């Protein structure tokens, strides 16, 4: 996410609680600003992250392509979003670490 938002790629740090970022870009000649709420994906933070789904227009779920268990957790996150949001936001699932594709599980 940081590479896309800030056009930089530094040391990867695990998100603890919430990391807020925003990006402005053009879509169909209109300026759009998107605010990203990067929540911790670990189970111990799950109760903290649920609240951020409620008013979301979109949800991006990211998994690690080198870790099969992270993909299996996507279904749990989808269930969380479905239970917290009405109407459902637009959802996107992204596999990250494509630079490590030789290690895909």
PDB file of N, CA and C in Angstrom:
ATOM      1  N   UNK A   1       0.827  -1.187   0.000  1.00  0.00           N
ATOM      2  CA  UNK A   1       0.000   0.000   0.000  1.00  0.00           C
ATOM      3  C   UNK A   1       0.870   1.248   0.000  1.00  0.00           C
ATOM      4  N   UNK A   2       1.919   1.233   0.801  1.00  0.00           N
ATOM      5  CA  UNK A   2       2.768   2.421   0.891  1.00  0.00           C
ATOM      6  C   UNK A   2       3.445   2.728  -0.440  1.00  0.00           C
ATOM      7  N   UNK A   3       3.797   1.693  -1.186  1.00  0.00           N
ATOM      8  CA  UNK A   3       4.421   1.928  -2.491  1.00  0.00           C
ATOM      9  C   UNK A   3       3.455   2.680  -3.401  1.00  0.00           C
ATOM     10  N   UNK A   4       2.190   2.315  -3.391  1.00  0.00           N
ATOM     11  CA  UNK A   4       1.200   2.964  -4.246  1.00  0.00           C
ATOM     12  C   UNK A   4       0.832   4.349  -3.719  1.00  0.00           C
ATOM     13  N   UNK A   5       0.650   4.487  -2.419  1.00  0.00           N
ATOM     14  CA  UNK A   5       0.215   5.761  -1.848  1.00  0.00           C
ATOM     15  C   UNK A   5       1.328   6.798  -1.864  1.00  0.00           C
ATOM     16  N   UNK A   6       2.519   6.401  -1.435  1.00  0.00           N
ATOM     17  CA  UNK A   6       3.617   7.359  -1.263  1.00  0.00           C
ATOM     18  C   UNK A   6       4.715   7.231  -2.310  1.00  0.00           C
ATOM     19  N   UNK A   7       4.545   6.328  -3.252  1.00  0.00           N
ATOM     20  CA  UNK A   7       5.556   6.077  -4.290  1.00  0.00           C
ATOM     21  C   UNK A   7       6.914   5.767  -3.686  1.00  0.00           C
ATOM     22  N   UNK A   8       6.902   5.051  -2.586  1.00  0.00           N
ATOM     23  CA  UNK A   8       8.157   4.634  -1.957  1.00  0.00           C
ATOM     24  C   UNK A   8       7.953   3.257  -1.345  1.00  0.00           C
ATOM     25  N   UNK A   9       9.056   2.585  -1.147  1.00  0.00           N
ATOM     26  CA  UNK A   9       8.986   1.255  -0.561  1.00  0.00           C
ATOM     27  C   UNK A   9      10.132   1.128   0.411  1.00  0.00           C
ATOM     28  N   UNK A  10       9.813   1.202   1.662  1.00  0.00           N
ATOM     29  CA  UNK A  10      10.834   1.106   2.695  1.00  0.00           C
ATOM     30  C   UNK A  10      10.716  -0.203   3.432  1.00  0.00           C
ATOM     31  N   UNK A  11      11.280  -0.231   4.593  1.00  0.00           N
ATOM     32  CA  UNK A  11      11.239  -1.411   5.433  1.00  0.00           C
ATOM     33  C   UNK A  11       9.787  -1.716   5.794  1.00  0.00           C
ATOM     34  N   UNK A  12       9.400  -2.970   5.640  1.00  0.00           N
ATOM     35  CA  UNK A  12       8.028  -3.367   5.969  1.00  0.00           C
ATOM     36  C   UNK A  12       7.888  -3.527   7.473  1.00  0.00           C
ATOM     37  N   UNK A  13       6.916  -2.823   8.003  1.00  0.00           N
ATOM     38  CA  UNK A  13       6.613  -2.925   9.421  1.00  0.00           C
ATOM     39  C   UNK A  13       5.193  -3.435   9.575  1.00  0.00           C
ATOM     40  N   UNK A  14       4.980  -4.295  10.542  1.00  0.00           N
ATOM     41  CA  UNK A  14       3.646  -4.799  10.808  1.00  0.00           C
ATOM     42  C   UNK A  14       2.781  -3.678  11.353  1.00  0.00           C
ATOM     43  N   UNK A  15       1.584  -3.549  10.803  1.00  0.00           N
ATOM     44  CA  UNK A  15       0.653  -2.532  11.290  1.00  0.00           C
ATOM     45  C   UNK A  15       0.150  -2.933  12.664  1.00  0.00           C
ATOM     46  N   UNK A  16       0.201  -1.994  13.579  1.00  0.00           N
ATOM     47  CA  UNK A  16      -0.357  -2.194  14.910  1.00  0.00           C
ATOM     48  C   UNK A  16      -1.487  -1.198  15.053  1.00  0.00           C
ATOM     49  N   UNK A  17      -2.682  -1.711  15.306  1.00  0.00           N
ATOM     50  CA  UNK A  17      -3.894  -0.919  15.401  1.00  0.00           C
ATOM     51  C   UNK A  17      -4.248  -0.364  14.021  1.00  0.00           C
ATOM     52  N   UNK A  18      -4.030   0.943  13.742  1.00  0.00           N
ATOM     53  CA  UNK A  18      -4.474   1.536  12.479  1.00  0.00           C
ATOM     54  C   UNK A  18      -3.431   2.512  11.948  1.00  0.00           C
ATOM     55  N   UNK A  19      -3.212   2.475  10.632  1.00  0.00           N
ATOM     56  CA  UNK A  19      -2.328   3.423   9.957  1.00  0.00           C
ATOM     57  C   UNK A  19      -3.168   4.121   8.882  1.00  0.00           C
ATOM     58  N   UNK A  20      -3.297   5.449   8.989  1.00  0.00           N
ATOM     59  CA  UNK A  20      -4.109   6.237   8.058  1.00  0.00           C
ATOM     60  C   UNK A  20      -3.232   6.855   6.980  1.00  0.00           C
ATOM     61  N   UNK A  21      -3.679   6.781   5.727  1.00  0.00           N
ATOM     62  CA  UNK A  21      -2.989   7.406   4.598  1.00  0.00           C
ATOM     63  C   UNK A  21      -4.042   7.911   3.619  1.00  0.00           C
ATOM     64  N   UNK A  22      -3.649   8.853   2.772  1.00  0.00           N
ATOM     65  CA  UNK A  22      -4.575   9.294   1.726  1.00  0.00           C
ATOM     66  C   UNK A  22      -3.815   9.509   0.428  1.00  0.00           C
ATOM     67  N   UNK A  23      -4.551   9.433  -0.665  1.00  0.00           N
ATOM     68  CA  UNK A  23      -3.970   9.623  -1.989  1.00  0.00           C
ATOM     69  C   UNK A  23      -4.992  10.363  -2.842  1.00  0.00           C
ATOM     70  N   UNK A  24      -4.503  11.320  -3.605  1.00  0.00           N
ATOM     71  CA  UNK A  24      -5.354  12.074  -4.517  1.00  0.00           C
ATOM     72  C   UNK A  24      -4.953  11.716  -5.944  1.00  0.00           C
ATOM     73  N   UNK A  25      -5.941  11.449  -6.789  1.00  0.00           N
ATOM     74  CA  UNK A  25      -5.670  11.113  -8.183  1.00  0.00           C
ATOM     75  C   UNK A  25      -6.884  11.482  -9.024  1.00  0.00           C
ATOM     76  N   UNK A  26      -6.729  11.375 -10.343  1.00  0.00           N
ATOM     77  CA  UNK A  26      -7.819  11.726 -11.262  1.00  0.00           C
ATOM     78  C   UNK A  26      -8.502  10.469 -11.781  1.00  0.00           C
ATOM     79  N   UNK A  27      -9.831  10.531 -11.814  1.00  0.00           N
ATOM     80  CA  UNK A  27     -10.648   9.477 -12.402  1.00  0.00           C
ATOM     81  C   UNK A  27     -11.669  10.161 -13.298  1.00  0.00           C
ATOM     82  N   UNK A  28     -11.651   9.839 -14.580  1.00  0.00           N
ATOM     83  CA  UNK A  28     -12.579  10.471 -15.535  1.00  0.00           C
ATOM     84  C   UNK A  28     -12.549  11.996 -15.431  1.00  0.00           C
ATOM     85  N   UNK A  29     -11.344  12.545 -15.381  1.00  0.00           N
ATOM     86  CA  UNK A  29     -11.112  13.995 -15.299  1.00  0.00           C
ATOM     87  C   UNK A  29     -11.665  14.644 -14.033  1.00  0.00           C
ATOM     88  N   UNK A  30     -11.915  13.851 -13.007  1.00  0.00           N
ATOM     89  CA  UNK A  30     -12.343  14.387 -11.714  1.00  0.00           C
ATOM     90  C   UNK A  30     -11.288  14.045 -10.674  1.00  0.00           C
ATOM     91  N   UNK A  31     -11.004  14.996  -9.793  1.00  0.00           N
ATOM     92  CA  UNK A  31     -10.042  14.755  -8.718  1.00  0.00           C
ATOM     93  C   UNK A  31     -10.745  13.976  -7.609  1.00  0.00           C
ATOM     94  N   UNK A  32     -10.133  12.871  -7.218  1.00  0.00           N
ATOM     95  CA  UNK A  32     -10.686  12.005  -6.183  1.00  0.00           C
ATOM     96  C   UNK A  32      -9.652  11.858  -5.078  1.00  0.00           C
ATOM     97  N   UNK A  33     -10.080  11.994  -3.846  1.00  0.00           N
ATOM     98  CA  UNK A  33      -9.190  11.743  -2.715  1.00  0.00           C
ATOM     99  C   UNK A  33      -9.721  10.529  -1.971  1.00  0.00           C
ATOM    100  N   UNK A  34      -8.840   9.566  -1.759  1.00  0.00           N
ATOM    101  CA  UNK A  34      -9.206   8.345  -1.064  1.00  0.00           C
ATOM    102  C   UNK A  34      -8.403   8.279   0.226  1.00  0.00           C
ATOM    103  N   UNK A  35      -9.087   7.989   1.309  1.00  0.00           N
ATOM    104  CA  UNK A  35      -8.417   7.808   2.594  1.00  0.00           C
ATOM    105  C   UNK A  35      -8.384   6.323   2.893  1.00  0.00           C
ATOM    106  N   UNK A  36      -7.204   5.835   3.214  1.00  0.00           N
ATOM    107  CA  UNK A  36      -7.012   4.424   3.509  1.00  0.00           C
ATOM    108  C   UNK A  36      -6.817   4.235   5.002  1.00  0.00           C
ATOM    109  N   UNK A  37      -7.487   3.256   5.503  1.00  0.00           N
ATOM    110  CA  UNK A  37      -7.370   2.877   6.902  1.00  0.00           C
ATOM    111  C   UNK A  37      -6.758   1.481   6.896  1.00  0.00           C
ATOM    112  N   UNK A  38      -5.452   1.394   7.095  1.00  0.00           N
ATOM    113  CA  UNK A  38      -4.744   0.118   7.092  1.00  0.00           C
ATOM    114  C   UNK A  38      -4.820  -0.440   8.501  1.00  0.00           C
ATOM    115  N   UNK A  39      -5.641  -1.475   8.670  1.00  0.00           N
ATOM    116  CA  UNK A  39      -5.820  -2.045  10.002  1.00  0.00           C
ATOM    117  C   UNK A  39      -4.944  -3.271  10.169  1.00  0.00           C
ATOM    118  N   UNK A  40      -4.621  -3.562  11.399  1.00  0.00           N
ATOM    119  CA  UNK A  40      -3.829  -4.750  11.698  1.00  0.00           C
ATOM    120  C   UNK A  40      -4.657  -5.985  11.363  1.00  0.00           C
ATOM    121  N   UNK A  41      -4.066  -6.941  10.687  1.00  0.00           N
ATOM    122  CA  UNK A  41      -4.804  -8.133  10.280  1.00  0.00           C
ATOM    123  C   UNK A  41      -4.771  -9.262  11.287  1.00  0.00           C
ATOM    124  N   UNK A  42      -3.925  -9.148  12.286  1.00  0.00           N
ATOM    125  CA  UNK A  42      -3.806 -10.233  13.245  1.00  0.00           C
ATOM    126  C   UNK A  42      -5.080 -10.364  14.080  1.00  0.00           C
ATOM    127  N   UNK A  43      -5.367 -11.587  14.480  1.00  0.00           N
ATOM    128  CA  UNK A  43      -6.578 -11.896  15.251  1.00  0.00           C
ATOM    129  C   UNK A  43      -6.702 -11.039  16.506  1.00  0.00           C
ATOM    130  N   UNK A  44      -5.604 -10.756  17.174  1.00  0.00           N
ATOM    131  CA  UNK A  44      -5.676 -10.012  18.438  1.00  0.00           C
ATOM    132  C   UNK A  44      -6.169  -8.576  18.251  1.00  0.00           C
ATOM    133  N   UNK A  45      -6.124  -8.051  17.012  1.00  0.00           N
ATOM    134  CA  UNK A  45      -6.599  -6.691  16.744  1.00  0.00           C
ATOM    135  C   UNK A  45      -7.978  -6.662  16.086  1.00  0.00           C
ATOM    136  N   UNK A  46      -8.562  -7.812  15.853  1.00  0.00           N
ATOM    137  CA  UNK A  46      -9.805  -7.886  15.082  1.00  0.00           C
ATOM    138  C   UNK A  46     -10.929  -7.042  15.683  1.00  0.00           C
ATOM    139  N   UNK A  47     -11.085  -7.057  16.996  1.00  0.00           N
ATOM    140  CA  UNK A  47     -12.175  -6.282  17.602  1.00  0.00           C
ATOM    141  C   UNK A  47     -11.983  -4.783  17.383  1.00  0.00           C
ATOM    142  N   UNK A  48     -10.743  -4.342  17.260  1.00  0.00           N
ATOM    143  CA  UNK A  48     -10.466  -2.923  17.031  1.00  0.00           C
ATOM    144  C   UNK A  48     -10.766  -2.511  15.592  1.00  0.00           C
ATOM    145  N   UNK A  49     -10.581  -3.423  14.662  1.00  0.00           N
ATOM    146  CA  UNK A  49     -10.702  -3.065  13.249  1.00  0.00           C
ATOM    147  C   UNK A  49     -12.134  -3.095  12.727  1.00  0.00           C
ATOM    148  N   UNK A  50     -13.017  -3.822  13.384  1.00  0.00           N
ATOM    149  CA  UNK A  50     -14.401  -3.938  12.912  1.00  0.00           C
ATOM    150  C   UNK A  50     -15.072  -2.582  12.738  1.00  0.00           C
ATOM    151  N   UNK A  51     -14.802  -1.673  13.654  1.00  0.00           N
ATOM    152  CA  UNK A  51     -15.471  -0.369  13.619  1.00  0.00           C
ATOM    153  C   UNK A  51     -15.169   0.427  12.352  1.00  0.00           C
ATOM    154  N   UNK A  52     -14.054   0.167  11.693  1.00  0.00           N
ATOM    155  CA  UNK A  52     -13.670   0.940  10.512  1.00  0.00           C
ATOM    156  C   UNK A  52     -14.419   0.513   9.252  1.00  0.00           C
ATOM    157  N   UNK A  53     -15.052  -0.647   9.265  1.00  0.00           N
ATOM    158  CA  UNK A  53     -15.818  -1.099   8.111  1.00  0.00           C
ATOM    159  C   UNK A  53     -17.148  -0.375   7.979  1.00  0.00           C
ATOM    160  N   UNK A  54     -17.741   0.003   9.071  1.00  0.00           N
ATOM    161  CA  UNK A  54     -19.135   0.480   9.100  1.00  0.00           C
ATOM    162  C   UNK A  54     -19.472   1.520   8.041  1.00  0.00           C
ATOM    163  N   UNK A  55     -18.696   2.569   7.931  1.00  0.00           N
ATOM    164  CA  UNK A  55     -19.018   3.671   7.018  1.00  0.00           C
ATOM    165  C   UNK A  55     -18.164   3.667   5.757  1.00  0.00           C
ATOM    166  N   UNK A  56     -17.621   2.523   5.411  1.00  0.00           N
ATOM    167  CA  UNK A  56     -16.713   2.445   4.270  1.00  0.00           C
ATOM    168  C   UNK A  56     -17.460   2.391   2.945  1.00  0.00           C
ATOM    169  N   UNK A  57     -16.917   3.100   1.962  1.00  0.00           N
ATOM    170  CA  UNK A  57     -17.435   3.017   0.594  1.00  0.00           C
ATOM    171  C   UNK A  57     -16.792   1.850  -0.135  1.00  0.00           C
ATOM    172  N   UNK A  58     -15.616   1.464   0.324  1.00  0.00           N
ATOM    173  CA  UNK A  58     -14.893   0.365  -0.291  1.00  0.00           C
ATOM    174  C   UNK A  58     -13.984  -0.296   0.722  1.00  0.00           C
ATOM    175  N   UNK A  59     -13.730  -1.562   0.516  1.00  0.00           N
ATOM    176  CA  UNK A  59     -12.850  -2.325   1.395  1.00  0.00           C
ATOM    177  C   UNK A  59     -11.863  -3.079   0.517  1.00  0.00           C
ATOM    178  N   UNK A  60     -10.588  -2.967   0.841  1.00  0.00           N
ATOM    179  CA  UNK A  60      -9.536  -3.705   0.150  1.00  0.00           C
ATOM    180  C   UNK A  60      -8.970  -4.710   1.140  1.00  0.00           C
ATOM    181  N   UNK A  61      -9.071  -5.984   0.808  1.00  0.00           N
ATOM    182  CA  UNK A  61      -8.522  -7.039   1.646  1.00  0.00           C
ATOM    183  C   UNK A  61      -7.250  -7.532   0.979  1.00  0.00           C
ATOM    184  N   UNK A  62      -6.162  -7.543   1.728  1.00  0.00           N
ATOM    185  CA  UNK A  62      -4.849  -7.886   1.178  1.00  0.00           C
ATOM    186  C   UNK A  62      -4.330  -9.145   1.861  1.00  0.00           C
ATOM    187  N   UNK A  63      -3.828 -10.065   1.059  1.00  0.00           N
ATOM    188  CA  UNK A  63      -3.215 -11.272   1.611  1.00  0.00           C
ATOM    189  C   UNK A  63      -1.815 -11.428   1.030  1.00  0.00           C
ATOM    190  N   UNK A  64      -1.017 -12.249   1.695  1.00  0.00           N
ATOM    191  CA  UNK A  64       0.369 -12.518   1.324  1.00  0.00           C
ATOM    192  C   UNK A  64       0.391 -13.751   0.421  1.00  0.00           C
ATOM    193  N   UNK A  65       0.810 -13.606  -0.839  1.00  0.00           N
ATOM    194  CA  UNK A  65       0.784 -14.743  -1.771  1.00  0.00           C
ATOM    195  C   UNK A  65       1.751 -15.855  -1.374  1.00  0.00           C
ATOM    196  N   UNK A  66       2.670 -15.580  -0.457  1.00  0.00           N
ATOM    197  CA  UNK A  66       3.616 -16.602  -0.011  1.00  0.00           C
ATOM    198  C   UNK A  66       3.140 -17.306   1.252  1.00  0.00           C
ATOM    199  N   UNK A  67       1.949 -16.957   1.737  1.00  0.00           N
ATOM    200  CA  UNK A  67       1.429 -17.519   2.988  1.00  0.00           C
ATOM    201  C   UNK A  67      -0.022 -17.945   2.775  1.00  0.00           C
ATOM    202  N   UNK A  68      -0.224 -19.230   2.528  1.00  0.00           N
ATOM    203  CA  UNK A  68      -1.561 -19.753   2.232  1.00  0.00           C
ATOM    204  C   UNK A  68      -2.565 -19.426   3.338  1.00  0.00           C
ATOM    205  N   UNK A  69      -2.128 -19.430   4.587  1.00  0.00           N
ATOM    206  CA  UNK A  69      -3.062 -19.153   5.687  1.00  0.00           C
ATOM    207  C   UNK A  69      -3.608 -17.731   5.610  1.00  0.00           C
ATOM    208  N   UNK A  70      -2.813 -16.785   5.103  1.00  0.00           N
ATOM    209  CA  UNK A  70      -3.317 -15.412   4.999  1.00  0.00           C
ATOM    210  C   UNK A  70      -4.447 -15.336   3.970  1.00  0.00           C
ATOM    211  N   UNK A  71      -4.379 -16.152   2.914  1.00  0.00           N
ATOM    212  CA  UNK A  71      -5.468 -16.197   1.934  1.00  0.00           C
ATOM    213  C   UNK A  71      -6.715 -16.827   2.546  1.00  0.00           C
ATOM    214  N   UNK A  72      -6.526 -17.858   3.342  1.00  0.00           N
ATOM    215  CA  UNK A  72      -7.668 -18.511   3.990  1.00  0.00           C
ATOM    216  C   UNK A  72      -8.387 -17.560   4.943  1.00  0.00           C
ATOM    217  N   UNK A  73      -7.675 -16.606   5.513  1.00  0.00           N
ATOM    218  CA  UNK A  73      -8.289 -15.638   6.428  1.00  0.00           C
ATOM    219  C   UNK A  73      -9.167 -14.621   5.694  1.00  0.00           C
ATOM    220  N   UNK A  74      -9.002 -14.497   4.383  1.00  0.00           N
ATOM    221  CA  UNK A  74      -9.809 -13.548   3.606  1.00  0.00           C
ATOM    222  C   UNK A  74     -11.299 -13.849   3.778  1.00  0.00           C
ATOM    223  N   UNK A  75     -11.669 -15.116   3.795  1.00  0.00           N
ATOM    224  CA  UNK A  75     -13.081 -15.477   3.961  1.00  0.00           C
ATOM    225  C   UNK A  75     -13.630 -14.945   5.287  1.00  0.00           C
ATOM    226  N   UNK A  76     -12.827 -15.031   6.353  1.00  0.00           N
ATOM    227  CA  UNK A  76     -13.258 -14.496   7.652  1.00  0.00           C
ATOM    228  C   UNK A  76     -13.463 -12.988   7.573  1.00  0.00           C
ATOM    229  N   UNK A  77     -12.534 -12.295   6.897  1.00  0.00           N
ATOM    230  CA  UNK A  77     -12.661 -10.846   6.763  1.00  0.00           C
ATOM    231  C   UNK A  77     -13.882 -10.478   5.928  1.00  0.00           C
ATOM    232  N   UNK A  78     -14.166 -11.251   4.879  1.00  0.00           N
ATOM    233  CA  UNK A  78     -15.368 -11.002   4.074  1.00  0.00           C
ATOM    234  C   UNK A  78     -16.626 -11.128   4.933  1.00  0.00           C
ATOM    235  N   UNK A  79     -16.656 -12.151   5.790  1.00  0.00           N
ATOM    236  CA  UNK A  79     -17.798 -12.322   6.693  1.00  0.00           C
ATOM    237  C   UNK A  79     -17.931 -11.135   7.641  1.00  0.00           C
ATOM    238  N   UNK A  80     -16.798 -10.625   8.134  1.00  0.00           N
ATOM    239  CA  UNK A  80     -16.824  -9.457   9.029  1.00  0.00           C
ATOM    240  C   UNK A  80     -17.418  -8.245   8.316  1.00  0.00           C
ATOM    241  N   UNK A  81     -16.964  -8.005   7.104  1.00  0.00           N
ATOM    242  CA  UNK A  81     -17.467  -6.858   6.343  1.00  0.00           C
ATOM    243  C   UNK A  81     -18.967  -7.009   6.112  1.00  0.00           C
ATOM    244  N   UNK A  82     -19.393  -8.198   5.711  1.00  0.00           N
ATOM    245  CA  UNK A  82     -20.817  -8.437   5.452  1.00  0.00           C
ATOM    246  C   UNK A  82     -21.664  -8.216   6.701  1.00  0.00           C
ATOM    247  N   UNK A  83     -21.132  -8.573   7.856  1.00  0.00           N
ATOM    248  CA  UNK A  83     -21.908  -8.423   9.091  1.00  0.00           C
ATOM    249  C   UNK A  83     -21.942  -6.984   9.595  1.00  0.00           C
ATOM    250  N   UNK A  84     -20.978  -6.160   9.200  1.00  0.00           N
ATOM    251  CA  UNK A  84     -20.881  -4.792   9.714  1.00  0.00           C
ATOM    252  C   UNK A  84     -21.450  -3.744   8.758  1.00  0.00           C
ATOM    253  N   UNK A  85     -21.578  -4.059   7.492  1.00  0.00           N
ATOM    254  CA  UNK A  85     -21.920  -3.031   6.496  1.00  0.00           C
ATOM    255  C   UNK A  85     -23.256  -3.298   5.818  1.00  0.00           C
ATOM    256  N   UNK A  86     -24.078  -2.276   5.789  1.00  0.00           N
ATOM    257  CA  UNK A  86     -25.322  -2.326   5.042  1.00  0.00           C
ATOM    258  C   UNK A  86     -25.593  -0.925   4.515  1.00  0.00           C
ATOM    259  N   UNK A  87     -25.468  -0.702   3.232  1.00  0.00           N
ATOM    260  CA  UNK A  87     -25.213  -1.662   2.164  1.00  0.00           C
ATOM    261  C   UNK A  87     -23.743  -2.083   2.127  1.00  0.00           C
ATOM    262  N   UNK A  88     -23.503  -3.183   1.430  1.00  0.00           N
ATOM    263  CA  UNK A  88     -22.131  -3.673   1.294  1.00  0.00           C
ATOM    264  C   UNK A  88     -21.293  -2.701   0.476  1.00  0.00           C
ATOM    265  N   UNK A  89     -20.072  -2.434   0.925  1.00  0.00           N
ATOM    266  CA  UNK A  89     -19.179  -1.585   0.134  1.00  0.00           C
ATOM    267  C   UNK A  89     -18.605  -2.379  -1.035  1.00  0.00           C
ATOM    268  N   UNK A  90     -18.042  -1.671  -1.987  1.00  0.00           N
ATOM    269  CA  UNK A  90     -17.286  -2.328  -3.047  1.00  0.00           C
ATOM    270  C   UNK A  90     -16.086  -2.988  -2.392  1.00  0.00           C
ATOM    271  N   UNK A  91     -15.805  -4.237  -2.764  1.00  0.00           N
ATOM    272  CA  UNK A  91     -14.690  -4.959  -2.145  1.00  0.00           C
ATOM    273  C   UNK A  91     -13.697  -5.414  -3.206  1.00  0.00           C
ATOM    274  N   UNK A  92     -12.435  -5.385  -2.829  1.00  0.00           N
ATOM    275  CA  UNK A  92     -11.345  -5.782  -3.709  1.00  0.00           C
ATOM    276  C   UNK A  92     -10.393  -6.656  -2.906  1.00  0.00           C
ATOM    277  N   UNK A  93      -9.987  -7.780  -3.478  1.00  0.00           N
ATOM    278  CA  UNK A  93      -9.019  -8.668  -2.833  1.00  0.00           C
ATOM    279  C   UNK A  93      -7.724  -8.590  -3.627  1.00  0.00           C
ATOM    280  N   UNK A  94      -6.618  -8.321  -2.925  1.00  0.00           N
ATOM    281  CA  UNK A  94      -5.313  -8.158  -3.567  1.00  0.00           C
ATOM    282  C   UNK A  94      -4.306  -9.101  -2.916  1.00  0.00           C
ATOM    283  N   UNK A  95      -3.543  -9.791  -3.756  1.00  0.00           N
ATOM    284  CA  UNK A  95      -2.420 -10.592  -3.267  1.00  0.00           C
ATOM    285  C   UNK A  95      -1.163  -9.753  -3.372  1.00  0.00           C
ATOM    286  N   UNK A  96      -0.477  -9.555  -2.249  1.00  0.00           N
ATOM    287  CA  UNK A  96       0.741  -8.746  -2.281  1.00  0.00           C
ATOM    288  C   UNK A  96       1.989  -9.629  -2.287  1.00  0.00           C
ATOM    289  N   UNK A  97       3.129  -9.002  -2.333  1.00  0.00           N
ATOM    290  CA  UNK A  97       4.449  -9.638  -2.405  1.00  0.00           C
ATOM    291  C   UNK A  97       4.661 -10.345  -3.748  1.00  0.00           C
ATOM    292  N   UNK A  98       4.172  -9.727  -4.824  1.00  0.00           N
ATOM    293  CA  UNK A  98       4.323 -10.334  -6.147  1.00  0.00           C
ATOM    294  C   UNK A  98       5.788 -10.472  -6.544  1.00  0.00           C
ATOM    295  N   UNK A  99       6.664  -9.693  -5.900  1.00  0.00           N
ATOM    296  CA  UNK A  99       8.095  -9.818  -6.176  1.00  0.00           C
ATOM    297  C   UNK A  99       8.649 -11.142  -5.644  1.00  0.00           C
ATOM    298  N   UNK A 100       7.878 -11.830  -4.831  1.00  0.00           N
ATOM    299  CA  UNK A 100       8.297 -13.120  -4.280  1.00  0.00           C
ATOM    300  C   UNK A 100       7.498 -14.263  -4.901  1.00  0.00           C
ATOM    301  N   UNK A 101       7.075 -14.088  -6.148  1.00  0.00           N
ATOM    302  CA  UNK A 101       6.175 -15.049  -6.793  1.00  0.00           C
ATOM    303  C   UNK A 101       6.753 -16.464  -6.871  1.00  0.00           C
ATOM    304  N   UNK A 102       8.064 -16.608  -6.840  1.00  0.00           N
ATOM    305  CA  UNK A 102       8.652 -17.949  -6.863  1.00  0.00           C
ATOM    306  C   UNK A 102       8.388 -18.697  -5.559  1.00  0.00           C
ATOM    307  N   UNK A 103       7.919 -17.992  -4.525  1.00  0.00           N
ATOM    308  CA  UNK A 103       7.625 -18.607  -3.230  1.00  0.00           C
ATOM    309  C   UNK A 103       6.130 -18.812  -3.007  1.00  0.00           C
ATOM    310  N   UNK A 104       5.324 -18.667  -4.063  1.00  0.00           N
ATOM    311  CA  UNK A 104       3.870 -18.792  -3.925  1.00  0.00           C
ATOM    312  C   UNK A 104       3.522 -20.159  -3.366  1.00  0.00           C
ATOM    313  N   UNK A 105       2.592 -20.162  -2.420  1.00  0.00           N
ATOM    314  CA  UNK A 105       2.154 -21.422  -1.787  1.00  0.00           C
ATOM    315  C   UNK A 105       1.068 -22.085  -2.591  1.00  0.00           C
TER     316      UNK A 105
END
